[in-house]
PDB file of N, CA and C in Angstrom:
ATOM      1  N   ASN A   1      15.384  -5.746   1.842  1.00  0.00           N
ATOM      2  CA  ASN A   1      14.017  -5.702   2.285  1.00  0.00           C
ATOM      3  C   ASN A   1      14.053  -5.382   3.821  1.00  0.00           C
ATOM      4  N   VAL A   2      13.253  -4.434   4.158  1.00  0.00           N
ATOM      5  CA  VAL A   2      13.154  -3.786   5.429  1.00  0.00           C
ATOM      6  C   VAL A   2      11.900  -4.525   6.197  1.00  0.00           C
ATOM      7  N   ALA A   3      11.979  -5.059   7.471  1.00  0.00           N
ATOM      8  CA  ALA A   3      10.874  -5.722   8.159  1.00  0.00           C
ATOM      9  C   ALA A   3       9.756  -4.386   8.253  1.00  0.00           C
ATOM     10  N   ARG A   4       8.613  -4.845   8.127  1.00  0.00           N
ATOM     11  CA  ARG A   4       7.414  -3.954   8.172  1.00  0.00           C
ATOM     12  C   ARG A   4       6.921  -3.968   9.664  1.00  0.00           C
ATOM     13  N   PRO A   5       7.070  -2.844  10.414  1.00  0.00           N
ATOM     14  CA  PRO A   5       6.480  -2.827  11.769  1.00  0.00           C
ATOM     15  C   PRO A   5       5.032  -3.187  11.789  1.00  0.00           C
ATOM     16  N   GLU A   6       4.782  -3.752  12.899  1.00  0.00           N
ATOM     17  CA  GLU A   6       3.232  -4.157  13.021  1.00  0.00           C
ATOM     18  C   GLU A   6       2.296  -2.881  13.020  1.00  0.00           C
ATOM     19  N   GLY A   7       1.181  -2.945  12.313  1.00  0.00           N
ATOM     20  CA  GLY A   7       0.362  -2.039  12.235  1.00  0.00           C
ATOM     21  C   GLY A   7       0.414  -1.120  10.931  1.00  0.00           C
ATOM     22  N   LEU A   8       1.529  -1.277  10.249  1.00  0.00           N
ATOM     23  CA  LEU A   8       1.750  -0.452   8.996  1.00  0.00           C
ATOM     24  C   LEU A   8       0.965  -1.147   7.812  1.00  0.00           C
ATOM     25  N   ALA A   9       0.682  -0.451   6.784  1.00  0.00           N
ATOM     26  CA  ALA A   9       0.063  -1.117   5.795  1.00  0.00           C
ATOM     27  C   ALA A   9       1.113  -2.003   4.891  1.00  0.00           C
ATOM     28  N   PRO A  10       0.668  -2.852   4.307  1.00  0.00           N
ATOM     29  CA  PRO A  10       1.556  -3.624   3.444  1.00  0.00           C
ATOM     30  C   PRO A  10       1.979  -3.180   2.048  1.00  0.00           C
ATOM     31  N   VAL A  11       2.433  -1.931   1.975  1.00  0.00           N
ATOM     32  CA  VAL A  11       2.818  -1.274   0.747  1.00  0.00           C
ATOM     33  C   VAL A  11       3.690  -0.293   1.121  1.00  0.00           C
ATOM     34  N   ALA A  12       4.570  -0.059   0.067  1.00  0.00           N
ATOM     35  CA  ALA A  12       5.482   0.914   0.038  1.00  0.00           C
ATOM     36  C   ALA A  12       5.243   1.829  -1.337  1.00  0.00           C
ATOM     37  N   PHE A  13       5.650   3.061  -1.263  1.00  0.00           N
ATOM     38  CA  PHE A  13       5.577   3.850  -2.454  1.00  0.00           C
ATOM     39  C   PHE A  13       6.750   4.727  -2.478  1.00  0.00           C
ATOM     40  N   ARG A  14       7.534   4.399  -3.666  1.00  0.00           N
ATOM     41  CA  ARG A  14       8.860   4.928  -3.891  1.00  0.00           C
ATOM     42  C   ARG A  14       8.771   5.758  -5.317  1.00  0.00           C
ATOM     43  N   VAL A  15       9.525   6.737  -5.334  1.00  0.00           N
ATOM     44  CA  VAL A  15       9.576   7.564  -6.586  1.00  0.00           C
ATOM     45  C   VAL A  15      11.036   7.746  -7.049  1.00  0.00           C
ATOM     46  N   LEU A  16      11.305   7.434  -8.271  1.00  0.00           N
ATOM     47  CA  LEU A  16      12.589   7.748  -8.999  1.00  0.00           C
ATOM     48  C   LEU A  16      12.456   8.912  -9.743  1.00  0.00           C
ATOM     49  N   LEU A  17      13.106   9.913  -9.272  1.00  0.00           N
ATOM     50  CA  LEU A  17      13.139  11.384  -9.870  1.00  0.00           C
ATOM     51  C   LEU A  17      14.056  11.375 -11.062  1.00  0.00           C
ATOM     52  N   PRO A  18      13.609  12.061 -12.177  1.00  0.00           N
ATOM     53  CA  PRO A  18      14.471  12.268 -13.349  1.00  0.00           C
ATOM     54  C   PRO A  18      15.166  13.368 -13.035  1.00  0.00           C
ATOM     55  N   ASP A  19      16.622  13.495 -13.767  1.00  0.00           N
ATOM     56  CA  ASP A  19      17.377  14.785 -13.806  1.00  0.00           C
ATOM     57  C   ASP A  19      16.405  16.022 -14.116  1.00  0.00           C
ATOM     58  N   GLY A  20      16.662  17.000 -13.493  1.00  0.00           N
ATOM     59  CA  GLY A  20      15.725  18.233 -13.860  1.00  0.00           C
ATOM     60  C   GLY A  20      14.391  18.172 -13.136  1.00  0.00           C
ATOM     61  N   TYR A  21      13.884  17.221 -12.431  1.00  0.00           N
ATOM     62  CA  TYR A  21      12.687  17.341 -11.836  1.00  0.00           C
ATOM     63  C   TYR A  21      12.391  18.503 -11.080  1.00  0.00           C
ATOM     64  N   PRO A  22      11.293  19.268 -11.114  1.00  0.00           N
ATOM     65  CA  PRO A  22      10.135  18.913 -11.692  1.00  0.00           C
ATOM     66  C   PRO A  22       9.864  19.428 -12.993  1.00  0.00           C
ATOM     67  N   LEU A  23      11.073  20.001 -13.640  1.00  0.00           N
ATOM     68  CA  LEU A  23      10.900  20.543 -15.071  1.00  0.00           C
ATOM     69  C   LEU A  23      11.362  19.441 -16.230  1.00  0.00           C
ATOM     70  N   SER A  24      11.603  18.282 -15.747  1.00  0.00           N
ATOM     71  CA  SER A  24      11.960  17.431 -16.746  1.00  0.00           C
ATOM     72  C   SER A  24      10.916  16.842 -17.712  1.00  0.00           C
ATOM     73  N   GLN A  25      11.252  16.659 -18.796  1.00  0.00           N
ATOM     74  CA  GLN A  25      10.121  16.201 -19.795  1.00  0.00           C
ATOM     75  C   GLN A  25       9.676  14.681 -19.479  1.00  0.00           C
ATOM     76  N   CYS A  26      10.679  13.938 -18.863  1.00  0.00           N
ATOM     77  CA  CYS A  26      10.316  12.543 -18.353  1.00  0.00           C
ATOM     78  C   CYS A  26       9.539  12.617 -17.117  1.00  0.00           C
ATOM     79  N   PRO A  27       8.553  11.904 -16.933  1.00  0.00           N
ATOM     80  CA  PRO A  27       7.814  11.958 -15.560  1.00  0.00           C
ATOM     81  C   PRO A  27       8.689  11.176 -14.526  1.00  0.00           C
ATOM     82  N   PRO A  28       8.566  11.291 -13.328  1.00  0.00           N
ATOM     83  CA  PRO A  28       9.035  10.404 -12.212  1.00  0.00           C
ATOM     84  C   PRO A  28       8.593   9.133 -12.416  1.00  0.00           C
ATOM     85  N   VAL A  29       9.344   8.220 -11.950  1.00  0.00           N
ATOM     86  CA  VAL A  29       8.859   6.785 -12.058  1.00  0.00           C
ATOM     87  C   VAL A  29       8.299   6.322 -10.631  1.00  0.00           C
ATOM     88  N   PRO A  30       7.044   6.101 -10.588  1.00  0.00           N
ATOM     89  CA  PRO A  30       6.355   5.672  -9.325  1.00  0.00           C
ATOM     90  C   PRO A  30       6.608   4.096  -9.173  1.00  0.00           C
ATOM     91  N   ILE A  31       7.039   3.581  -7.954  1.00  0.00           N
ATOM     92  CA  ILE A  31       7.110   2.310  -7.777  1.00  0.00           C
ATOM     93  C   ILE A  31       6.232   1.982  -6.575  1.00  0.00           C
ATOM     94  N   ILE A  32       5.377   0.997  -6.735  1.00  0.00           N
ATOM     95  CA  ILE A  32       4.546   0.525  -5.748  1.00  0.00           C
ATOM     96  C   ILE A  32       4.999  -0.832  -5.299  1.00  0.00           C
ATOM     97  N   GLU A  33       5.284  -1.089  -4.307  1.00  0.00           N
ATOM     98  CA  GLU A  33       5.696  -2.358  -3.723  1.00  0.00           C
ATOM     99  C   GLU A  33       4.637  -2.887  -2.677  1.00  0.00           C
ATOM    100  N   GLY A  34       4.137  -4.141  -3.036  1.00  0.00           N
ATOM    101  CA  GLY A  34       3.248  -4.812  -2.123  1.00  0.00           C
ATOM    102  C   GLY A  34       2.826  -6.076  -2.917  1.00  0.00           C
ATOM    103  N   SER A  35       1.729  -6.589  -2.287  1.00  0.00           N
ATOM    104  CA  SER A  35       1.341  -7.832  -2.754  1.00  0.00           C
ATOM    105  C   SER A  35       0.576  -7.675  -4.128  1.00  0.00           C
ATOM    106  N   PRO A  36       0.293  -8.982  -4.875  1.00  0.00           N
ATOM    107  CA  PRO A  36      -0.300  -8.688  -6.243  1.00  0.00           C
ATOM    108  C   PRO A  36      -1.660  -7.867  -6.144  1.00  0.00           C
ATOM    109  N   ASP A  37      -2.431  -8.075  -5.177  1.00  0.00           N
ATOM    110  CA  ASP A  37      -3.611  -7.164  -4.902  1.00  0.00           C
ATOM    111  C   ASP A  37      -3.505  -5.705  -4.891  1.00  0.00           C
ATOM    112  N   ILE A  38      -2.299  -5.345  -4.198  1.00  0.00           N
ATOM    113  CA  ILE A  38      -1.790  -3.883  -4.082  1.00  0.00           C
ATOM    114  C   ILE A  38      -1.361  -3.489  -5.521  1.00  0.00           C
ATOM    115  N   GLN A  39      -0.581  -4.393  -6.229  1.00  0.00           N
ATOM    116  CA  GLN A  39      -0.145  -3.832  -7.478  1.00  0.00           C
ATOM    117  C   GLN A  39      -1.224  -3.690  -8.453  1.00  0.00           C
ATOM    118  N   SER A  40      -2.328  -4.545  -8.270  1.00  0.00           N
ATOM    119  CA  SER A  40      -3.475  -4.548  -9.379  1.00  0.00           C
ATOM    120  C   SER A  40      -4.293  -3.198  -8.968  1.00  0.00           C
ATOM    121  N   ALA A  41      -4.602  -2.926  -7.691  1.00  0.00           N
ATOM    122  CA  ALA A  41      -5.313  -1.827  -7.241  1.00  0.00           C
ATOM    123  C   ALA A  41      -4.595  -0.385  -7.629  1.00  0.00           C
ATOM    124  N   SER A  42      -3.218  -0.389  -7.752  1.00  0.00           N
ATOM    125  CA  SER A  42      -2.571   0.735  -7.948  1.00  0.00           C
ATOM    126  C   SER A  42      -2.165   1.013  -9.470  1.00  0.00           C
ATOM    127  N   ALA A  43      -2.538   0.233 -10.252  1.00  0.00           N
ATOM    128  CA  ALA A  43      -2.112   0.048 -11.837  1.00  0.00           C
ATOM    129  C   ALA A  43      -2.708   1.170 -12.503  1.00  0.00           C
ATOM    130  N   ASP A  44      -4.023   1.446 -12.378  1.00  0.00           N
ATOM    131  CA  ASP A  44      -4.817   2.329 -13.125  1.00  0.00           C
ATOM    132  C   ASP A  44      -4.280   3.816 -12.562  1.00  0.00           C
ATOM    133  N   ALA A  45      -4.116   4.005 -11.200  1.00  0.00           N
ATOM    134  CA  ALA A  45      -3.815   5.354 -10.731  1.00  0.00           C
ATOM    135  C   ALA A  45      -2.392   5.654 -11.334  1.00  0.00           C
ATOM    136  N   VAL A  46      -1.524   4.617 -11.298  1.00  0.00           N
ATOM    137  CA  VAL A  46      -0.056   4.963 -11.860  1.00  0.00           C
ATOM    138  C   VAL A  46      -0.018   5.288 -13.148  1.00  0.00           C
ATOM    139  N   GLN A  47      -1.016   4.511 -14.206  1.00  0.00           N
ATOM    140  CA  GLN A  47      -1.005   4.980 -15.475  1.00  0.00           C
ATOM    141  C   GLN A  47      -1.571   6.358 -15.663  1.00  0.00           C
ATOM    142  N   GLU A  48      -2.582   6.649 -15.032  1.00  0.00           N
ATOM    143  CA  GLU A  48      -3.058   8.047 -15.160  1.00  0.00           C
ATOM    144  C   GLU A  48      -2.253   9.073 -14.700  1.00  0.00           C
ATOM    145  N   LEU A  49      -1.308   8.767 -13.567  1.00  0.00           N
ATOM    146  CA  LEU A  49      -0.448   9.909 -13.228  1.00  0.00           C
ATOM    147  C   LEU A  49       0.720  10.172 -14.172  1.00  0.00           C
ATOM    148  N   LEU A  50       1.122   8.991 -14.868  1.00  0.00           N
ATOM    149  CA  LEU A  50       2.151   9.025 -15.905  1.00  0.00           C
ATOM    150  C   LEU A  50       1.594   9.886 -17.234  1.00  0.00           C
ATOM    151  N   ALA A  51       0.293   9.498 -17.526  1.00  0.00           N
ATOM    152  CA  ALA A  51      -0.368  10.043 -18.684  1.00  0.00           C
ATOM    153  C   ALA A  51      -0.595  11.710 -18.463  1.00  0.00           C
ATOM    154  N   GLU A  52      -0.711  11.989 -17.293  1.00  0.00           N
ATOM    155  CA  GLU A  52      -1.070  13.564 -16.923  1.00  0.00           C
ATOM    156  C   GLU A  52       0.177  14.329 -16.703  1.00  0.00           C
ATOM    157  N   TRP A  53       1.422  13.686 -16.654  1.00  0.00           N
ATOM    158  CA  TRP A  53       2.537  14.352 -16.326  1.00  0.00           C
ATOM    159  C   TRP A  53       2.811  15.605 -17.267  1.00  0.00           C
ATOM    160  N   GLU A  54       3.114  16.819 -16.704  1.00  0.00           N
ATOM    161  CA  GLU A  54       3.622  17.980 -17.413  1.00  0.00           C
ATOM    162  C   GLU A  54       4.610  18.502 -16.712  1.00  0.00           C
ATOM    163  N   PRO A  55       5.726  18.944 -17.285  1.00  0.00           N
ATOM    164  CA  PRO A  55       6.927  19.746 -16.605  1.00  0.00           C
ATOM    165  C   PRO A  55       6.183  20.925 -15.811  1.00  0.00           C
ATOM    166  N   SER A  56       6.653  21.313 -14.615  1.00  0.00           N
ATOM    167  CA  SER A  56       6.150  22.342 -13.948  1.00  0.00           C
ATOM    168  C   SER A  56       7.014  22.836 -12.948  1.00  0.00           C
ATOM    169  N   ASN A  57       7.000  24.023 -12.524  1.00  0.00           N
ATOM    170  CA  ASN A  57       7.882  24.578 -11.257  1.00  0.00           C
ATOM    171  C   ASN A  57       7.405  23.951  -9.984  1.00  0.00           C
ATOM    172  N   GLU A  58       6.199  23.305  -9.977  1.00  0.00           N
ATOM    173  CA  GLU A  58       5.686  22.720  -8.883  1.00  0.00           C
ATOM    174  C   GLU A  58       6.011  21.173  -8.659  1.00  0.00           C
ATOM    175  N   GLY A  59       6.337  20.710  -7.602  1.00  0.00           N
ATOM    176  CA  GLY A  59       6.545  19.314  -7.260  1.00  0.00           C
ATOM    177  C   GLY A  59       5.240  18.557  -7.228  1.00  0.00           C
ATOM    178  N   TYR A  60       5.093  17.465  -7.752  1.00  0.00           N
ATOM    179  CA  TYR A  60       3.953  16.635  -7.879  1.00  0.00           C
ATOM    180  C   TYR A  60       3.940  15.512  -6.862  1.00  0.00           C
ATOM    181  N   ILE A  61       4.857  15.093  -6.183  1.00  0.00           N
ATOM    182  CA  ILE A  61       5.139  13.754  -5.422  1.00  0.00           C
ATOM    183  C   ILE A  61       4.227  13.769  -4.355  1.00  0.00           C
ATOM    184  N   TRP A  62       3.852  14.741  -3.645  1.00  0.00           N
ATOM    185  CA  TRP A  62       2.718  14.710  -2.439  1.00  0.00           C
ATOM    186  C   TRP A  62       1.172  14.314  -3.179  1.00  0.00           C
ATOM    187  N   GLN A  63       1.059  15.125  -4.162  1.00  0.00           N
ATOM    188  CA  GLN A  63      -0.108  14.966  -4.688  1.00  0.00           C
ATOM    189  C   GLN A  63      -0.271  13.348  -5.265  1.00  0.00           C
ATOM    190  N   TRP A  64       0.881  12.909  -5.843  1.00  0.00           N
ATOM    191  CA  TRP A  64       0.901  11.517  -6.462  1.00  0.00           C
ATOM    192  C   TRP A  64       0.896  10.498  -5.164  1.00  0.00           C
ATOM    193  N   ALA A  65       1.389  10.809  -4.218  1.00  0.00           N
ATOM    194  CA  ALA A  65       1.101   9.969  -2.997  1.00  0.00           C
ATOM    195  C   ALA A  65      -0.429   9.891  -2.478  1.00  0.00           C
ATOM    196  N   ASP A  66      -1.059  10.958  -2.454  1.00  0.00           N
ATOM    197  CA  ASP A  66      -2.407  11.121  -2.071  1.00  0.00           C
ATOM    198  C   ASP A  66      -3.143  10.257  -3.206  1.00  0.00           C
ATOM    199  N   ARG A  67      -2.999  10.408  -4.467  1.00  0.00           N
ATOM    200  CA  ARG A  67      -3.753   9.602  -5.527  1.00  0.00           C
ATOM    201  C   ARG A  67      -3.559   8.161  -5.317  1.00  0.00           C
ATOM    202  N   ILE A  68      -2.354   7.806  -5.028  1.00  0.00           N
ATOM    203  CA  ILE A  68      -1.925   6.184  -4.791  1.00  0.00           C
ATOM    204  C   ILE A  68      -2.750   5.698  -3.728  1.00  0.00           C
ATOM    205  N   LYS A  69      -2.576   6.550  -2.562  1.00  0.00           N
ATOM    206  CA  LYS A  69      -3.190   6.213  -1.205  1.00  0.00           C
ATOM    207  C   LYS A  69      -4.798   6.098  -1.447  1.00  0.00           C
ATOM    208  N   ASP A  70      -5.429   6.868  -2.210  1.00  0.00           N
ATOM    209  CA  ASP A  70      -6.981   6.919  -2.390  1.00  0.00           C
ATOM    210  C   ASP A  70      -7.104   5.593  -3.451  1.00  0.00           C
ATOM    211  N   ALA A  71      -6.290   5.346  -4.293  1.00  0.00           N
ATOM    212  CA  ALA A  71      -6.595   4.213  -5.094  1.00  0.00           C
ATOM    213  C   ALA A  71      -6.392   2.876  -4.339  1.00  0.00           C
ATOM    214  N   LEU A  72      -5.553   2.791  -3.412  1.00  0.00           N
ATOM    215  CA  LEU A  72      -5.271   1.743  -2.571  1.00  0.00           C
ATOM    216  C   LEU A  72      -6.237   1.458  -1.425  1.00  0.00           C
ATOM    217  N   GLN A  73      -7.060   2.430  -1.095  1.00  0.00           N
ATOM    218  CA  GLN A  73      -7.797   2.392   0.194  1.00  0.00           C
ATOM    219  C   GLN A  73      -8.655   1.192   0.100  1.00  0.00           C
ATOM    220  N   PRO A  74      -9.433   0.904  -0.828  1.00  0.00           N
ATOM    221  CA  PRO A  74     -10.459  -0.241  -0.679  1.00  0.00           C
ATOM    222  C   PRO A  74      -9.454  -1.622  -0.734  1.00  0.00           C
ATOM    223  N   ALA A  75      -8.319  -1.806  -1.348  1.00  0.00           N
ATOM    224  CA  ALA A  75      -7.602  -3.021  -1.026  1.00  0.00           C
ATOM    225  C   ALA A  75      -6.910  -3.047   0.199  1.00  0.00           C
ATOM    226  N   LEU A  76      -6.588  -1.958   0.950  1.00  0.00           N
ATOM    227  CA  LEU A  76      -6.086  -1.829   2.232  1.00  0.00           C
ATOM    228  C   LEU A  76      -7.103  -2.242   3.325  1.00  0.00           C
ATOM    229  N   ASP A  77      -8.397  -1.744   3.136  1.00  0.00           N
ATOM    230  CA  ASP A  77      -9.379  -2.032   3.965  1.00  0.00           C
ATOM    231  C   ASP A  77      -9.953  -3.486   3.865  1.00  0.00           C
ATOM    232  N   GLU A  78      -9.722  -4.208   2.676  1.00  0.00           N
ATOM    233  CA  GLU A  78      -9.965  -5.616   2.627  1.00  0.00           C
ATOM    234  C   GLU A  78      -8.863  -6.309   3.355  1.00  0.00           C
ATOM    235  N   ILE A  79      -7.563  -5.975   3.205  1.00  0.00           N
ATOM    236  CA  ILE A  79      -6.410  -6.607   3.803  1.00  0.00           C
ATOM    237  C   ILE A  79      -6.723  -6.619   5.409  1.00  0.00           C
ATOM    238  N   ALA A  80      -7.141  -5.266   5.944  1.00  0.00           N
ATOM    239  CA  ALA A  80      -7.153  -5.102   7.195  1.00  0.00           C
ATOM    240  C   ALA A  80      -8.486  -5.981   7.784  1.00  0.00           C
ATOM    241  N   SER A  81      -9.490  -6.126   7.049  1.00  0.00           N
ATOM    242  CA  SER A  81     -10.618  -6.917   7.330  1.00  0.00           C
ATOM    243  C   SER A  81     -10.392  -8.354   7.488  1.00  0.00           C
ATOM    244  N   VAL A  82      -9.638  -8.972   6.474  1.00  0.00           N
ATOM    245  CA  VAL A  82      -9.055 -10.315   6.571  1.00  0.00           C
ATOM    246  C   VAL A  82      -8.198 -10.470   7.715  1.00  0.00           C
ATOM    247  N   ALA A  83      -7.266  -9.487   8.023  1.00  0.00           N
ATOM    248  CA  ALA A  83      -6.345  -9.734   9.178  1.00  0.00           C
ATOM    249  C   ALA A  83      -7.064  -9.874  10.470  1.00  0.00           C
ATOM    250  N   ALA A  84      -8.186  -8.850  10.610  1.00  0.00           N
ATOM    251  CA  ALA A  84      -8.992  -8.865  11.739  1.00  0.00           C
ATOM    252  C   ALA A  84      -9.787 -10.148  11.949  1.00  0.00           C
ATOM    253  N   ALA A  85     -10.278 -10.819  10.949  1.00  0.00           N
ATOM    254  CA  ALA A  85     -11.021 -12.121  10.966  1.00  0.00           C
ATOM    255  C   ALA A  85     -10.015 -13.162  11.372  1.00  0.00           C
ATOM    256  N   HIS A  86      -8.893 -13.221  10.796  1.00  0.00           N
ATOM    257  CA  HIS A  86      -7.982 -14.126  11.081  1.00  0.00           C
ATOM    258  C   HIS A  86      -7.522 -14.053  12.621  1.00  0.00           C
ATOM    259  N   SER A  87      -7.220 -12.943  13.052  1.00  0.00           N
ATOM    260  CA  SER A  87      -6.812 -12.612  14.500  1.00  0.00           C
ATOM    261  C   SER A  87      -8.092 -13.125  15.373  1.00  0.00           C
ATOM    262  N   ALA A  88      -9.298 -12.815  15.046  1.00  0.00           N
ATOM    263  CA  ALA A  88     -10.349 -13.291  15.765  1.00  0.00           C
ATOM    264  C   ALA A  88     -10.521 -14.940  15.906  1.00  0.00           C
ATOM    265  N   GLN A  89     -10.140 -15.532  14.733  1.00  0.00           N
ATOM    266  CA  GLN A  89     -10.170 -16.825  14.626  1.00  0.00           C
ATOM    267  C   GLN A  89      -9.034 -17.416  15.451  1.00  0.00           C
ATOM    268  N   GLN A  90      -7.941 -16.873  15.481  1.00  0.00           N
ATOM    269  CA  GLN A  90      -6.874 -17.250  16.426  1.00  0.00           C
ATOM    270  C   GLN A  90      -7.124 -17.266  17.825  1.00  0.00           C
ATOM    271  N   GLU A  91      -7.805 -16.211  18.229  1.00  0.00           N
ATOM    272  CA  GLU A  91      -8.086 -15.896  19.642  1.00  0.00           C
ATOM    273  C   GLU A  91      -9.139 -16.955  20.123  1.00  0.00           C
ATOM    274  N   GLU A  92     -10.253 -17.274  19.077  1.00  0.00           N
ATOM    275  CA  GLU A  92     -11.096 -18.266  19.462  1.00  0.00           C
ATOM    276  C   GLU A  92     -10.473 -19.604  19.625  1.00  0.00           C
ATOM    277  N   LEU A  93      -9.574 -20.096  18.715  1.00  0.00           N
ATOM    278  CA  LEU A  93      -8.808 -21.261  18.882  1.00  0.00           C
ATOM    279  C   LEU A  93      -8.000 -21.503  20.188  1.00  0.00           C
ATOM    280  N   MET A  94      -7.330 -20.230  20.535  1.00  0.00           N
ATOM    281  CA  MET A  94      -6.607 -20.369  21.709  1.00  0.00           C
ATOM    282  C   MET A  94      -7.458 -20.502  23.063  1.00  0.00           C
ATOM    283  N   ALA A  95      -8.586 -19.763  22.973  1.00  0.00           N
ATOM    284  CA  ALA A  95      -9.459 -19.932  24.029  1.00  0.00           C
ATOM    285  C   ALA A  95     -10.002 -21.332  24.160  1.00  0.00           C
ATOM    286  N   ALA A  96     -10.290 -21.951  23.092  1.00  0.00           N
ATOM    287  CA  ALA A  96     -10.891 -23.295  23.001  1.00  0.00           C
ATOM    288  C   ALA A  96      -9.794 -24.310  23.570  1.00  0.00           C
ATOM    289  N   LEU A  97      -8.460 -24.092  23.153  1.00  0.00           N
ATOM    290  CA  LEU A  97      -7.369 -24.856  23.520  1.00  0.00           C
ATOM    291  C   LEU A  97      -7.141 -24.947  25.085  1.00  0.00           C
ATOM    292  N   THR A  98      -7.216 -23.472  25.487  1.00  0.00           N
ATOM    293  CA  THR A  98      -7.075 -23.278  26.958  1.00  0.00           C
ATOM    294  C   THR A  98      -8.145 -23.800  27.856  1.00  0.00           C
ATOM    295  N   ALA A  99      -9.477 -23.725  27.401  1.00  0.00           N
ATOM    296  CA  ALA A  99     -10.489 -24.472  27.995  1.00  0.00           C
ATOM    297  C   ALA A  99     -10.402 -25.993  28.152  1.00  0.00           C
ATOM    298  N   GLU A 100      -9.990 -26.489  26.938  1.00  0.00           N
ATOM    299  CA  GLU A 100      -9.719 -28.051  26.869  1.00  0.00           C
ATOM    300  C   GLU A 100      -8.732 -28.373  27.723  1.00  0.00           C
ATOM    301  N   ALA A 101      -7.481 -27.659  27.869  1.00  0.00           N
ATOM    302  CA  ALA A 101      -6.408 -27.963  28.706  1.00  0.00           C
ATOM    303  C   ALA A 101      -6.812 -28.150  30.077  1.00  0.00           C
ATOM    304  N   GLU A 102      -7.611 -26.961  30.421  1.00  0.00           N
ATOM    305  CA  GLU A 102      -8.064 -26.741  31.896  1.00  0.00           C
ATOM    306  C   GLU A 102      -9.076 -27.958  32.404  1.00  0.00           C
ATOM    307  N   ALA A 103      -9.771 -28.507  31.310  1.00  0.00           N
ATOM    308  CA  ALA A 103     -10.665 -29.625  31.713  1.00  0.00           C
ATOM    309  C   ALA A 103      -9.813 -30.785  32.100  1.00  0.00           C
ATOM    310  N   PHE A 104      -8.598 -31.002  31.706  1.00  0.00           N
ATOM    311  CA  PHE A 104      -7.962 -32.152  32.054  1.00  0.00           C
ATOM    312  C   PHE A 104      -7.307 -31.824  33.301  1.00  0.00           C
TER     313      PHE A 104
END
């Protein structure tokens, strides 16, 4: 496990390439690492990518990354919103504690 630098999305996209990629009959294996919400948000997109696989002289990985990113965007927006609300609550709590300490 690698520590996630602050500000980066809580998700990783990895791809296992089969022998002969991109001409292999077997599709690459997309691996999405993240919370259960991230897993759920990406499941349909991953299934679609696998179902659409056709061997070709072109690589697909960048296109796959874009499709996964688009599928995850609503979940990532929600995670960012919750994090911002939590941060605001922490700041309010710290301000209240500081004001209380200064009153004594």
